[in-house]
Amino acid sequence: MRGVCKHYADGDVDALVNVNLSIASAEFVAIVGPSGGGKSTLLNMLGALDEPTRGEVWFEGKPLSQQPSLDRFRAHKIGFIFQSYHLLPNLTAQENVQLTMFDTHPNVSQRKAEAIRLLERVGLGDRVNHRADKLSIGQRQRVAIARAIAGNPPLILADEPTGALDTERGNEVMDLLDEIRIEESSTLVVVTHDERVAERADRVVYICDGMLRTV
């Protein structure tokens, strides 16, 4: 990110102010800071879910503003793990995992087989045909992780991945994310309020009032 600013006219809010940030391939970065400080906006910028008012976001040496299709870019390059999971409650675990695979796995049988393989990898091999609303909170988070790593994206972005979990389940989820990051040489960026999660990271980035600050 080079000189990135984000201003929301609705409310006249400067969510990001002249942010300069470099993240290396295969690095694990934790983003911390107070509520409303700009963490989620920063994550959305990194994932091409929002565009800067000024400045530029680069990925693998290319500016996102020159990407012909941000939808296709996200499908192939970014894995998202949202705080509220964003699962469809009436779909099964494997059907939810398939939702992000239509661009990368056009064949129906291939999508299903890959979804099942990913669910087995995150320890849900016995829950592939369970509806999302019948799963525990920890199991839903694992489904979200399986969906995020479909297609082996080089960058995984997670927004408070342990926020709704108890300590034991939270540790299990972070162990799983760290294992995937190391095995696949993925880059992992996590927004968190949890000091234990931040302590696992290679580097901690602190943001407050839209500005990066040294801790």
N, C-alpha and C. Protein backbone atom coordinates (compact mmCIF):
# COMPACT_ATOMS: atom_id res chain seq x y z
N MET A 1 0.86 -1.17 0.00
CA MET A 1 0.00 0.00 0.00
C MET A 1 0.90 1.23 0.00
N ARG A 2 0.63 2.15 -0.93
CA ARG A 2 1.46 3.34 -1.06
C ARG A 2 0.58 4.59 -0.98
N GLY A 3 0.74 5.32 0.11
CA GLY A 3 0.00 6.55 0.27
C GLY A 3 -1.50 6.38 0.23
N VAL A 4 -2.00 5.28 0.79
CA VAL A 4 -3.42 4.97 0.67
C VAL A 4 -4.25 5.78 1.67
N CYS A 5 -5.26 6.45 1.13
CA CYS A 5 -6.23 7.18 1.94
C CYS A 5 -7.63 6.69 1.57
N LYS A 6 -8.51 6.66 2.56
CA LYS A 6 -9.90 6.32 2.30
C LYS A 6 -10.79 7.28 3.07
N HIS A 7 -11.56 8.06 2.32
CA HIS A 7 -12.48 9.03 2.90
C HIS A 7 -13.90 8.62 2.56
N TYR A 8 -14.74 8.55 3.56
CA TYR A 8 -16.15 8.27 3.36
C TYR A 8 -16.93 9.58 3.50
N ALA A 9 -17.50 10.02 2.39
CA ALA A 9 -18.25 11.27 2.41
C ALA A 9 -19.44 11.19 3.35
N ASP A 10 -20.07 10.00 3.38
CA ASP A 10 -21.18 9.78 4.29
C ASP A 10 -20.64 9.69 5.71
N GLY A 11 -20.77 10.74 6.46
CA GLY A 11 -20.22 10.80 7.81
C GLY A 11 -18.93 11.58 7.88
N ASP A 12 -18.37 11.93 6.69
CA ASP A 12 -17.13 12.72 6.61
C ASP A 12 -16.03 12.09 7.48
N VAL A 13 -15.74 10.82 7.17
CA VAL A 13 -14.77 10.05 7.97
C VAL A 13 -13.54 9.71 7.13
N ASP A 14 -12.36 9.97 7.69
CA ASP A 14 -11.11 9.52 7.07
C ASP A 14 -10.75 8.18 7.71
N ALA A 15 -11.10 7.08 7.03
CA ALA A 15 -10.88 5.75 7.60
C ALA A 15 -9.43 5.32 7.50
N LEU A 16 -8.73 5.77 6.45
CA LEU A 16 -7.29 5.51 6.30
C LEU A 16 -6.62 6.81 5.91
N VAL A 17 -5.45 7.08 6.51
CA VAL A 17 -4.75 8.34 6.27
C VAL A 17 -3.30 8.04 5.88
N ASN A 18 -3.00 8.19 4.59
CA ASN A 18 -1.63 8.06 4.08
C ASN A 18 -0.93 6.80 4.59
N VAL A 19 -1.56 5.66 4.34
CA VAL A 19 -1.03 4.38 4.80
C VAL A 19 -0.01 3.83 3.82
N ASN A 20 1.17 3.53 4.34
CA ASN A 20 2.22 2.85 3.58
C ASN A 20 2.53 1.54 4.30
N LEU A 21 2.35 0.44 3.61
CA LEU A 21 2.52 -0.87 4.24
C LEU A 21 2.97 -1.89 3.21
N SER A 22 4.01 -2.63 3.54
CA SER A 22 4.48 -3.73 2.69
C SER A 22 4.37 -5.04 3.47
N ILE A 23 3.84 -6.06 2.83
CA ILE A 23 3.71 -7.39 3.43
C ILE A 23 4.40 -8.38 2.51
N ALA A 24 5.29 -9.17 3.08
CA ALA A 24 6.08 -10.11 2.28
C ALA A 24 5.31 -11.40 2.03
N SER A 25 5.68 -12.08 0.97
CA SER A 25 5.10 -13.37 0.67
C SER A 25 5.38 -14.34 1.81
N ALA A 26 4.35 -15.09 2.23
CA ALA A 26 4.42 -16.10 3.29
C ALA A 26 4.56 -15.50 4.68
N GLU A 27 4.41 -14.20 4.82
CA GLU A 27 4.47 -13.56 6.13
C GLU A 27 3.13 -13.67 6.84
N PHE A 28 3.17 -13.72 8.17
CA PHE A 28 1.97 -13.72 9.01
C PHE A 28 1.95 -12.38 9.74
N VAL A 29 0.97 -11.54 9.38
CA VAL A 29 0.86 -10.20 9.94
C VAL A 29 -0.45 -10.08 10.71
N ALA A 30 -0.38 -9.56 11.93
CA ALA A 30 -1.57 -9.27 12.72
C ALA A 30 -1.81 -7.77 12.71
N ILE A 31 -3.06 -7.37 12.47
CA ILE A 31 -3.45 -5.97 12.50
C ILE A 31 -4.27 -5.74 13.77
N VAL A 32 -3.80 -4.86 14.63
CA VAL A 32 -4.48 -4.59 15.89
C VAL A 32 -4.76 -3.11 16.03
N GLY A 33 -5.63 -2.78 16.98
CA GLY A 33 -5.98 -1.39 17.23
C GLY A 33 -7.38 -1.29 17.78
N PRO A 34 -7.79 -0.09 18.19
CA PRO A 34 -9.11 0.09 18.80
C PRO A 34 -10.23 -0.06 17.77
N SER A 35 -11.43 -0.33 18.27
CA SER A 35 -12.59 -0.39 17.40
C SER A 35 -12.78 0.95 16.70
N GLY A 36 -13.08 0.89 15.40
CA GLY A 36 -13.24 2.11 14.62
C GLY A 36 -11.94 2.76 14.20
N GLY A 37 -10.83 2.07 14.44
CA GLY A 37 -9.53 2.67 14.12
C GLY A 37 -9.09 2.49 12.69
N GLY A 38 -9.78 1.62 11.93
CA GLY A 38 -9.42 1.44 10.53
C GLY A 38 -8.99 0.04 10.17
N LYS A 39 -9.07 -0.90 11.10
CA LYS A 39 -8.57 -2.27 10.84
C LYS A 39 -9.32 -2.93 9.70
N SER A 40 -10.65 -2.92 9.76
CA SER A 40 -11.43 -3.61 8.73
C SER A 40 -11.29 -2.92 7.38
N THR A 41 -11.21 -1.59 7.38
CA THR A 41 -11.01 -0.87 6.12
C THR A 41 -9.67 -1.26 5.50
N LEU A 42 -8.64 -1.36 6.34
CA LEU A 42 -7.33 -1.78 5.85
C LEU A 42 -7.39 -3.17 5.25
N LEU A 43 -8.09 -4.09 5.93
CA LEU A 43 -8.22 -5.45 5.42
C LEU A 43 -8.98 -5.47 4.10
N ASN A 44 -10.04 -4.68 4.00
CA ASN A 44 -10.83 -4.61 2.76
C ASN A 44 -10.00 -4.08 1.61
N MET A 45 -9.11 -3.13 1.89
CA MET A 45 -8.23 -2.60 0.84
C MET A 45 -7.26 -3.68 0.35
N LEU A 46 -6.70 -4.44 1.30
CA LEU A 46 -5.76 -5.49 0.92
C LEU A 46 -6.45 -6.56 0.08
N GLY A 47 -7.74 -6.79 0.34
CA GLY A 47 -8.49 -7.81 -0.38
C GLY A 47 -9.25 -7.32 -1.59
N ALA A 48 -9.02 -6.06 -1.98
CA ALA A 48 -9.67 -5.48 -3.17
C ALA A 48 -11.19 -5.48 -3.04
N LEU A 49 -11.68 -5.38 -1.80
CA LEU A 49 -13.12 -5.24 -1.58
C LEU A 49 -13.54 -3.78 -1.57
N ASP A 50 -12.56 -2.89 -1.46
CA ASP A 50 -12.81 -1.46 -1.49
C ASP A 50 -11.66 -0.79 -2.23
N GLU A 51 -11.87 0.41 -2.71
CA GLU A 51 -10.85 1.12 -3.47
C GLU A 51 -10.43 2.39 -2.73
N PRO A 52 -9.15 2.74 -2.82
CA PRO A 52 -8.68 3.94 -2.12
C PRO A 52 -9.26 5.21 -2.72
N THR A 53 -9.42 6.21 -1.88
CA THR A 53 -9.74 7.55 -2.36
C THR A 53 -8.50 8.15 -3.03
N ARG A 54 -7.35 7.90 -2.41
CA ARG A 54 -6.06 8.27 -3.00
C ARG A 54 -5.07 7.16 -2.69
N GLY A 55 -3.99 7.14 -3.48
CA GLY A 55 -2.97 6.13 -3.27
C GLY A 55 -3.24 4.87 -4.08
N GLU A 56 -2.41 3.87 -3.87
CA GLU A 56 -2.49 2.66 -4.69
C GLU A 56 -2.15 1.43 -3.86
N VAL A 57 -2.87 0.34 -4.15
CA VAL A 57 -2.57 -0.96 -3.56
C VAL A 57 -1.95 -1.83 -4.65
N TRP A 58 -0.83 -2.43 -4.34
CA TRP A 58 -0.12 -3.29 -5.29
C TRP A 58 -0.16 -4.73 -4.79
N PHE A 59 -0.20 -5.65 -5.75
CA PHE A 59 -0.17 -7.08 -5.42
C PHE A 59 0.74 -7.78 -6.41
N GLU A 60 1.75 -8.45 -5.88
CA GLU A 60 2.73 -9.16 -6.73
C GLU A 60 3.27 -8.25 -7.83
N GLY A 61 3.58 -7.01 -7.43
CA GLY A 61 4.23 -6.08 -8.34
C GLY A 61 3.32 -5.34 -9.30
N LYS A 62 2.00 -5.53 -9.18
CA LYS A 62 1.07 -4.87 -10.10
C LYS A 62 0.01 -4.09 -9.32
N PRO A 63 -0.32 -2.88 -9.77
CA PRO A 63 -1.36 -2.11 -9.08
C PRO A 63 -2.74 -2.71 -9.30
N LEU A 64 -3.54 -2.75 -8.24
CA LEU A 64 -4.89 -3.30 -8.37
C LEU A 64 -5.75 -2.48 -9.31
N SER A 65 -5.46 -1.20 -9.43
CA SER A 65 -6.25 -0.34 -10.31
C SER A 65 -6.13 -0.74 -11.77
N GLN A 66 -5.13 -1.54 -12.10
CA GLN A 66 -4.94 -1.99 -13.48
C GLN A 66 -5.41 -3.42 -13.69
N GLN A 67 -6.01 -4.02 -12.67
CA GLN A 67 -6.56 -5.37 -12.83
C GLN A 67 -7.81 -5.29 -13.73
N PRO A 68 -7.88 -6.12 -14.77
CA PRO A 68 -9.04 -6.06 -15.67
C PRO A 68 -10.34 -6.47 -14.99
N SER A 69 -10.26 -7.35 -13.98
CA SER A 69 -11.45 -7.80 -13.26
C SER A 69 -11.08 -8.07 -11.81
N LEU A 70 -11.57 -7.22 -10.90
CA LEU A 70 -11.29 -7.44 -9.49
C LEU A 70 -12.00 -8.68 -8.96
N ASP A 71 -13.16 -9.00 -9.51
CA ASP A 71 -13.86 -10.22 -9.10
C ASP A 71 -13.01 -11.45 -9.40
N ARG A 72 -12.47 -11.49 -10.59
CA ARG A 72 -11.63 -12.63 -10.97
C ARG A 72 -10.32 -12.64 -10.16
N PHE A 73 -9.79 -11.46 -9.92
CA PHE A 73 -8.58 -11.35 -9.10
C PHE A 73 -8.82 -11.94 -7.72
N ARG A 74 -9.93 -11.55 -7.08
CA ARG A 74 -10.24 -12.06 -5.75
C ARG A 74 -10.45 -13.57 -5.77
N ALA A 75 -11.12 -14.07 -6.80
CA ALA A 75 -11.40 -15.51 -6.89
C ALA A 75 -10.13 -16.34 -6.93
N HIS A 76 -9.10 -15.80 -7.56
CA HIS A 76 -7.88 -16.57 -7.77
C HIS A 76 -6.77 -16.27 -6.74
N LYS A 77 -6.83 -15.09 -6.14
CA LYS A 77 -5.69 -14.65 -5.33
C LYS A 77 -5.97 -14.49 -3.84
N ILE A 78 -7.24 -14.32 -3.46
CA ILE A 78 -7.56 -13.97 -2.08
C ILE A 78 -8.50 -14.99 -1.46
N GLY A 79 -8.19 -15.41 -0.23
CA GLY A 79 -9.10 -16.22 0.56
C GLY A 79 -9.59 -15.40 1.74
N PHE A 80 -10.90 -15.23 1.87
CA PHE A 80 -11.47 -14.41 2.93
C PHE A 80 -12.08 -15.27 4.03
N ILE A 81 -11.79 -14.91 5.27
CA ILE A 81 -12.45 -15.53 6.42
C ILE A 81 -13.10 -14.39 7.20
N PHE A 82 -14.42 -14.31 7.12
CA PHE A 82 -15.14 -13.20 7.71
C PHE A 82 -15.51 -13.50 9.15
N GLN A 83 -15.65 -12.44 9.95
CA GLN A 83 -15.98 -12.59 11.37
C GLN A 83 -17.31 -13.30 11.56
N SER A 84 -18.27 -13.02 10.68
CA SER A 84 -19.61 -13.63 10.81
C SER A 84 -19.76 -14.85 9.89
N TYR A 85 -18.66 -15.32 9.35
CA TYR A 85 -18.56 -16.55 8.54
C TYR A 85 -19.17 -16.42 7.14
N HIS A 86 -20.34 -15.73 7.00
CA HIS A 86 -21.00 -15.57 5.71
C HIS A 86 -21.34 -16.91 5.07
N LEU A 87 -21.79 -17.86 5.89
CA LEU A 87 -22.27 -19.13 5.36
C LEU A 87 -23.77 -19.03 5.10
N LEU A 88 -24.25 -19.76 4.11
CA LEU A 88 -25.68 -19.83 3.85
C LEU A 88 -26.26 -20.96 4.70
N PRO A 89 -27.16 -20.65 5.63
CA PRO A 89 -27.59 -21.64 6.62
C PRO A 89 -28.31 -22.85 6.05
N ASN A 90 -28.97 -22.68 4.90
CA ASN A 90 -29.75 -23.78 4.33
C ASN A 90 -28.91 -24.66 3.40
N LEU A 91 -27.64 -24.35 3.22
CA LEU A 91 -26.75 -25.18 2.40
C LEU A 91 -25.88 -26.04 3.30
N THR A 92 -25.44 -27.18 2.78
CA THR A 92 -24.55 -28.05 3.53
C THR A 92 -23.14 -27.45 3.59
N ALA A 93 -22.31 -28.06 4.42
CA ALA A 93 -20.94 -27.59 4.54
C ALA A 93 -20.23 -27.61 3.18
N GLN A 94 -20.35 -28.73 2.46
CA GLN A 94 -19.63 -28.82 1.19
C GLN A 94 -20.23 -27.89 0.14
N GLU A 95 -21.52 -27.61 0.21
CA GLU A 95 -22.13 -26.66 -0.72
C GLU A 95 -21.64 -25.24 -0.43
N ASN A 96 -21.48 -24.90 0.85
CA ASN A 96 -20.95 -23.59 1.21
C ASN A 96 -19.52 -23.41 0.73
N VAL A 97 -18.72 -24.45 0.85
CA VAL A 97 -17.34 -24.36 0.40
C VAL A 97 -17.28 -24.14 -1.12
N GLN A 98 -18.21 -24.73 -1.83
CA GLN A 98 -18.23 -24.61 -3.29
C GLN A 98 -18.56 -23.20 -3.78
N LEU A 99 -19.13 -22.36 -2.92
CA LEU A 99 -19.60 -21.05 -3.36
C LEU A 99 -18.51 -20.19 -3.99
N THR A 100 -17.27 -20.36 -3.54
CA THR A 100 -16.17 -19.55 -4.07
C THR A 100 -15.41 -20.26 -5.19
N MET A 101 -15.90 -21.42 -5.63
CA MET A 101 -15.12 -22.25 -6.54
C MET A 101 -15.62 -22.25 -7.99
N PHE A 102 -16.67 -21.51 -8.28
CA PHE A 102 -17.25 -21.58 -9.62
C PHE A 102 -16.30 -21.05 -10.69
N ASP A 103 -15.46 -20.09 -10.32
CA ASP A 103 -14.52 -19.54 -11.30
C ASP A 103 -13.28 -20.41 -11.44
N THR A 104 -12.88 -21.07 -10.34
CA THR A 104 -11.66 -21.87 -10.37
C THR A 104 -11.90 -23.35 -10.66
N HIS A 105 -13.14 -23.82 -10.40
CA HIS A 105 -13.48 -25.22 -10.63
C HIS A 105 -14.83 -25.30 -11.36
N PRO A 106 -14.84 -25.12 -12.68
CA PRO A 106 -16.10 -25.07 -13.42
C PRO A 106 -16.86 -26.39 -13.47
N ASN A 107 -16.16 -27.51 -13.27
CA ASN A 107 -16.81 -28.82 -13.32
C ASN A 107 -17.48 -29.14 -12.00
N VAL A 108 -18.76 -29.54 -12.05
CA VAL A 108 -19.56 -29.77 -10.85
C VAL A 108 -18.95 -30.86 -9.97
N SER A 109 -18.61 -31.99 -10.57
CA SER A 109 -18.07 -33.11 -9.78
C SER A 109 -16.71 -32.75 -9.19
N GLN A 110 -15.91 -31.97 -9.91
CA GLN A 110 -14.62 -31.54 -9.38
C GLN A 110 -14.80 -30.61 -8.19
N ARG A 111 -15.79 -29.71 -8.29
CA ARG A 111 -16.06 -28.80 -7.17
C ARG A 111 -16.44 -29.58 -5.92
N LYS A 112 -17.33 -30.54 -6.09
CA LYS A 112 -17.79 -31.32 -4.93
C LYS A 112 -16.65 -32.11 -4.31
N ALA A 113 -15.85 -32.76 -5.15
CA ALA A 113 -14.73 -33.56 -4.64
C ALA A 113 -13.72 -32.68 -3.92
N GLU A 114 -13.44 -31.52 -4.46
CA GLU A 114 -12.47 -30.61 -3.84
C GLU A 114 -13.03 -30.06 -2.53
N ALA A 115 -14.31 -29.74 -2.50
CA ALA A 115 -14.93 -29.24 -1.26
C ALA A 115 -14.84 -30.28 -0.16
N ILE A 116 -15.11 -31.52 -0.49
CA ILE A 116 -15.03 -32.60 0.51
C ILE A 116 -13.59 -32.77 0.99
N ARG A 117 -12.64 -32.72 0.07
CA ARG A 117 -11.23 -32.84 0.44
C ARG A 117 -10.82 -31.73 1.41
N LEU A 118 -11.26 -30.51 1.14
CA LEU A 118 -10.91 -29.38 1.99
C LEU A 118 -11.55 -29.51 3.37
N LEU A 119 -12.79 -29.96 3.41
CA LEU A 119 -13.46 -30.15 4.70
C LEU A 119 -12.78 -31.25 5.51
N GLU A 120 -12.33 -32.28 4.85
CA GLU A 120 -11.57 -33.32 5.55
C GLU A 120 -10.27 -32.75 6.10
N ARG A 121 -9.66 -31.86 5.35
CA ARG A 121 -8.40 -31.27 5.79
C ARG A 121 -8.57 -30.43 7.05
N VAL A 122 -9.72 -29.78 7.20
CA VAL A 122 -9.95 -28.96 8.39
C VAL A 122 -10.68 -29.73 9.49
N GLY A 123 -10.74 -31.05 9.33
CA GLY A 123 -11.30 -31.90 10.39
C GLY A 123 -12.80 -32.04 10.39
N LEU A 124 -13.44 -31.80 9.25
CA LEU A 124 -14.90 -31.90 9.17
C LEU A 124 -15.35 -32.95 8.15
N GLY A 125 -14.55 -34.01 8.01
CA GLY A 125 -14.92 -35.05 7.06
C GLY A 125 -16.24 -35.72 7.38
N ASP A 126 -16.65 -35.68 8.64
CA ASP A 126 -17.91 -36.31 9.03
C ASP A 126 -19.07 -35.31 9.06
N ARG A 127 -18.82 -34.09 8.55
CA ARG A 127 -19.86 -33.07 8.57
C ARG A 127 -20.12 -32.47 7.17
N VAL A 128 -19.65 -33.13 6.14
CA VAL A 128 -19.72 -32.53 4.80
C VAL A 128 -21.15 -32.30 4.34
N ASN A 129 -22.09 -33.14 4.77
CA ASN A 129 -23.48 -33.01 4.33
C ASN A 129 -24.40 -32.43 5.40
N HIS A 130 -23.81 -31.87 6.45
CA HIS A 130 -24.59 -31.19 7.48
C HIS A 130 -24.86 -29.75 7.04
N ARG A 131 -26.09 -29.31 7.24
CA ARG A 131 -26.41 -27.92 6.95
C ARG A 131 -25.65 -26.99 7.89
N ALA A 132 -25.34 -25.80 7.40
CA ALA A 132 -24.54 -24.86 8.19
C ALA A 132 -25.23 -24.49 9.50
N ASP A 133 -26.56 -24.40 9.48
CA ASP A 133 -27.26 -24.01 10.71
C ASP A 133 -27.32 -25.15 11.73
N LYS A 134 -26.83 -26.32 11.37
CA LYS A 134 -26.78 -27.45 12.30
C LYS A 134 -25.36 -27.67 12.85
N LEU A 135 -24.44 -26.81 12.46
CA LEU A 135 -23.06 -26.92 12.91
C LEU A 135 -22.81 -26.02 14.10
N SER A 136 -21.82 -26.38 14.93
CA SER A 136 -21.42 -25.52 16.04
C SER A 136 -20.68 -24.30 15.50
N ILE A 137 -20.46 -23.32 16.36
CA ILE A 137 -19.75 -22.10 15.94
C ILE A 137 -18.34 -22.44 15.47
N GLY A 138 -17.66 -23.31 16.21
CA GLY A 138 -16.31 -23.70 15.81
C GLY A 138 -16.30 -24.44 14.48
N GLN A 139 -17.30 -25.28 14.25
CA GLN A 139 -17.38 -26.00 12.98
C GLN A 139 -17.67 -25.05 11.82
N ARG A 140 -18.50 -24.04 12.07
CA ARG A 140 -18.78 -23.05 11.02
C ARG A 140 -17.51 -22.30 10.65
N GLN A 141 -16.70 -21.99 11.65
CA GLN A 141 -15.44 -21.31 11.36
C GLN A 141 -14.54 -22.18 10.51
N ARG A 142 -14.52 -23.48 10.76
CA ARG A 142 -13.71 -24.38 9.97
C ARG A 142 -14.22 -24.49 8.52
N VAL A 143 -15.54 -24.46 8.36
CA VAL A 143 -16.10 -24.42 7.01
C VAL A 143 -15.64 -23.15 6.30
N ALA A 144 -15.66 -22.03 7.02
CA ALA A 144 -15.21 -20.77 6.43
C ALA A 144 -13.74 -20.83 6.02
N ILE A 145 -12.92 -21.52 6.81
CA ILE A 145 -11.51 -21.68 6.47
C ILE A 145 -11.36 -22.56 5.23
N ALA A 146 -12.10 -23.66 5.18
CA ALA A 146 -12.06 -24.54 4.01
C ALA A 146 -12.45 -23.77 2.75
N ARG A 147 -13.46 -22.95 2.85
CA ARG A 147 -13.89 -22.15 1.70
C ARG A 147 -12.81 -21.15 1.30
N ALA A 148 -12.14 -20.55 2.29
CA ALA A 148 -11.12 -19.54 2.01
C ALA A 148 -9.90 -20.12 1.29
N ILE A 149 -9.56 -21.38 1.58
CA ILE A 149 -8.33 -21.94 0.98
C ILE A 149 -8.61 -22.69 -0.31
N ALA A 150 -9.87 -22.72 -0.75
CA ALA A 150 -10.18 -23.36 -2.05
C ALA A 150 -9.43 -22.62 -3.15
N GLY A 151 -8.74 -23.36 -3.98
CA GLY A 151 -7.96 -22.75 -5.05
C GLY A 151 -6.56 -22.35 -4.63
N ASN A 152 -6.22 -22.63 -3.35
CA ASN A 152 -4.88 -22.33 -2.84
C ASN A 152 -4.47 -20.88 -3.10
N PRO A 153 -5.22 -19.90 -2.60
CA PRO A 153 -4.87 -18.49 -2.84
C PRO A 153 -3.58 -18.12 -2.13
N PRO A 154 -2.77 -17.25 -2.72
CA PRO A 154 -1.51 -16.86 -2.08
C PRO A 154 -1.70 -15.95 -0.86
N LEU A 155 -2.88 -15.32 -0.74
CA LEU A 155 -3.14 -14.42 0.38
C LEU A 155 -4.44 -14.80 1.08
N ILE A 156 -4.36 -15.01 2.40
CA ILE A 156 -5.54 -15.30 3.22
C ILE A 156 -5.75 -14.13 4.17
N LEU A 157 -6.96 -13.58 4.15
CA LEU A 157 -7.32 -12.46 5.02
C LEU A 157 -8.38 -12.93 6.00
N ALA A 158 -8.15 -12.71 7.29
CA ALA A 158 -9.09 -13.17 8.31
C ALA A 158 -9.46 -12.02 9.24
N ASP A 159 -10.76 -11.80 9.41
CA ASP A 159 -11.27 -10.74 10.27
C ASP A 159 -11.77 -11.36 11.58
N GLU A 160 -11.02 -11.17 12.65
CA GLU A 160 -11.36 -11.70 13.98
C GLU A 160 -11.74 -13.20 13.91
N PRO A 161 -10.86 -14.05 13.40
CA PRO A 161 -11.21 -15.46 13.22
C PRO A 161 -11.49 -16.22 14.51
N THR A 162 -11.04 -15.67 15.65
CA THR A 162 -11.28 -16.35 16.93
C THR A 162 -12.26 -15.57 17.81
N GLY A 163 -12.84 -14.51 17.26
CA GLY A 163 -13.65 -13.60 18.07
C GLY A 163 -14.83 -14.24 18.76
N ALA A 164 -15.46 -15.24 18.13
CA ALA A 164 -16.66 -15.88 18.70
C ALA A 164 -16.35 -17.23 19.35
N LEU A 165 -15.07 -17.55 19.50
CA LEU A 165 -14.68 -18.87 19.99
C LEU A 165 -14.09 -18.78 21.39
N ASP A 166 -14.22 -19.87 22.15
CA ASP A 166 -13.55 -19.93 23.44
C ASP A 166 -12.05 -20.16 23.21
N THR A 167 -11.29 -20.13 24.29
CA THR A 167 -9.84 -20.20 24.16
C THR A 167 -9.37 -21.46 23.45
N GLU A 168 -9.92 -22.60 23.83
CA GLU A 168 -9.49 -23.87 23.23
C GLU A 168 -9.80 -23.91 21.74
N ARG A 169 -11.03 -23.55 21.36
CA ARG A 169 -11.41 -23.57 19.94
C ARG A 169 -10.63 -22.51 19.16
N GLY A 170 -10.40 -21.38 19.80
CA GLY A 170 -9.61 -20.33 19.14
C GLY A 170 -8.20 -20.78 18.85
N ASN A 171 -7.59 -21.47 19.79
CA ASN A 171 -6.24 -21.99 19.57
C ASN A 171 -6.23 -23.02 18.45
N GLU A 172 -7.26 -23.86 18.40
CA GLU A 172 -7.35 -24.88 17.35
C GLU A 172 -7.44 -24.21 15.96
N VAL A 173 -8.25 -23.15 15.87
CA VAL A 173 -8.40 -22.45 14.59
C VAL A 173 -7.09 -21.80 14.17
N MET A 174 -6.39 -21.18 15.11
CA MET A 174 -5.13 -20.52 14.75
C MET A 174 -4.05 -21.55 14.43
N ASP A 175 -4.06 -22.69 15.13
CA ASP A 175 -3.13 -23.77 14.77
C ASP A 175 -3.36 -24.22 13.34
N LEU A 176 -4.63 -24.33 12.95
CA LEU A 176 -4.99 -24.77 11.61
C LEU A 176 -4.56 -23.74 10.57
N LEU A 177 -4.83 -22.46 10.83
CA LEU A 177 -4.43 -21.41 9.88
C LEU A 177 -2.92 -21.35 9.73
N ASP A 178 -2.21 -21.48 10.83
CA ASP A 178 -0.75 -21.44 10.77
C ASP A 178 -0.21 -22.65 10.01
N GLU A 179 -0.81 -23.80 10.23
CA GLU A 179 -0.40 -25.02 9.52
C GLU A 179 -0.60 -24.86 8.01
N ILE A 180 -1.75 -24.34 7.62
CA ILE A 180 -2.04 -24.13 6.20
C ILE A 180 -1.07 -23.11 5.60
N ARG A 181 -0.82 -22.03 6.35
CA ARG A 181 0.10 -21.00 5.85
C ARG A 181 1.48 -21.57 5.58
N ILE A 182 1.97 -22.38 6.49
CA ILE A 182 3.31 -22.94 6.34
C ILE A 182 3.35 -23.97 5.21
N GLU A 183 2.35 -24.85 5.16
CA GLU A 183 2.34 -25.91 4.15
C GLU A 183 2.19 -25.34 2.74
N GLU A 184 1.38 -24.30 2.59
CA GLU A 184 1.09 -23.76 1.27
C GLU A 184 1.92 -22.52 0.95
N SER A 185 2.76 -22.08 1.89
CA SER A 185 3.54 -20.84 1.73
C SER A 185 2.63 -19.65 1.44
N SER A 186 1.48 -19.63 2.11
CA SER A 186 0.53 -18.54 1.93
C SER A 186 0.89 -17.37 2.83
N THR A 187 0.44 -16.19 2.45
CA THR A 187 0.54 -15.01 3.29
C THR A 187 -0.74 -14.92 4.11
N LEU A 188 -0.62 -14.65 5.40
CA LEU A 188 -1.77 -14.59 6.29
C LEU A 188 -1.81 -13.24 6.97
N VAL A 189 -2.94 -12.54 6.81
CA VAL A 189 -3.15 -11.25 7.49
C VAL A 189 -4.41 -11.38 8.33
N VAL A 190 -4.27 -11.12 9.62
CA VAL A 190 -5.37 -11.32 10.57
C VAL A 190 -5.66 -10.03 11.33
N VAL A 191 -6.91 -9.60 11.31
CA VAL A 191 -7.37 -8.53 12.20
C VAL A 191 -7.81 -9.17 13.50
N THR A 192 -7.32 -8.66 14.62
CA THR A 192 -7.65 -9.31 15.88
C THR A 192 -7.58 -8.34 17.06
N HIS A 193 -8.40 -8.63 18.08
CA HIS A 193 -8.29 -7.97 19.37
C HIS A 193 -7.60 -8.89 20.38
N ASP A 194 -7.33 -10.12 19.96
CA ASP A 194 -6.82 -11.15 20.86
C ASP A 194 -5.29 -11.09 20.90
N GLU A 195 -4.74 -10.76 22.05
CA GLU A 195 -3.29 -10.66 22.19
C GLU A 195 -2.60 -11.98 21.89
N ARG A 196 -3.25 -13.10 22.21
CA ARG A 196 -2.64 -14.40 21.96
C ARG A 196 -2.50 -14.67 20.48
N VAL A 197 -3.46 -14.19 19.69
CA VAL A 197 -3.36 -14.33 18.23
C VAL A 197 -2.23 -13.44 17.72
N ALA A 198 -2.17 -12.21 18.18
CA ALA A 198 -1.13 -11.28 17.74
C ALA A 198 0.26 -11.80 18.05
N GLU A 199 0.40 -12.46 19.20
CA GLU A 199 1.72 -12.98 19.60
C GLU A 199 2.23 -14.06 18.65
N ARG A 200 1.33 -14.71 17.93
CA ARG A 200 1.73 -15.75 16.99
C ARG A 200 2.33 -15.17 15.71
N ALA A 201 2.01 -13.93 15.41
CA ALA A 201 2.35 -13.34 14.12
C ALA A 201 3.85 -13.05 14.00
N ASP A 202 4.32 -13.00 12.75
CA ASP A 202 5.69 -12.57 12.49
C ASP A 202 5.86 -11.08 12.78
N ARG A 203 4.74 -10.34 12.58
CA ARG A 203 4.80 -8.89 12.76
C ARG A 203 3.42 -8.38 13.14
N VAL A 204 3.39 -7.37 13.99
CA VAL A 204 2.13 -6.75 14.41
C VAL A 204 2.08 -5.33 13.86
N VAL A 205 0.98 -5.00 13.19
CA VAL A 205 0.74 -3.65 12.67
C VAL A 205 -0.35 -3.00 13.50
N TYR A 206 -0.07 -1.84 14.07
CA TYR A 206 -1.03 -1.14 14.92
C TYR A 206 -1.63 0.03 14.15
N ILE A 207 -2.95 0.11 14.12
CA ILE A 207 -3.63 1.20 13.42
C ILE A 207 -4.62 1.87 14.35
N CYS A 208 -4.61 3.18 14.33
CA CYS A 208 -5.52 3.98 15.16
C CYS A 208 -5.84 5.26 14.41
N ASP A 209 -7.11 5.62 14.39
CA ASP A 209 -7.55 6.83 13.67
C ASP A 209 -7.11 6.80 12.21
N GLY A 210 -7.06 5.60 11.64
CA GLY A 210 -6.74 5.47 10.22
C GLY A 210 -5.26 5.56 9.89
N MET A 211 -4.41 5.68 10.92
CA MET A 211 -2.98 5.83 10.69
C MET A 211 -2.21 4.68 11.31
N LEU A 212 -1.20 4.19 10.59
CA LEU A 212 -0.32 3.18 11.16
C LEU A 212 0.59 3.83 12.18
N ARG A 213 0.77 3.12 13.32
CA ARG A 213 1.59 3.68 14.37
C ARG A 213 2.53 2.60 14.91
N THR A 214 3.69 3.02 15.35
CA THR A 214 4.65 2.11 15.94
C THR A 214 4.25 1.86 17.39
N VAL A 215 4.20 0.56 17.77
CA VAL A 215 3.83 0.21 19.14
C VAL A 215 4.99 0.51 20.08
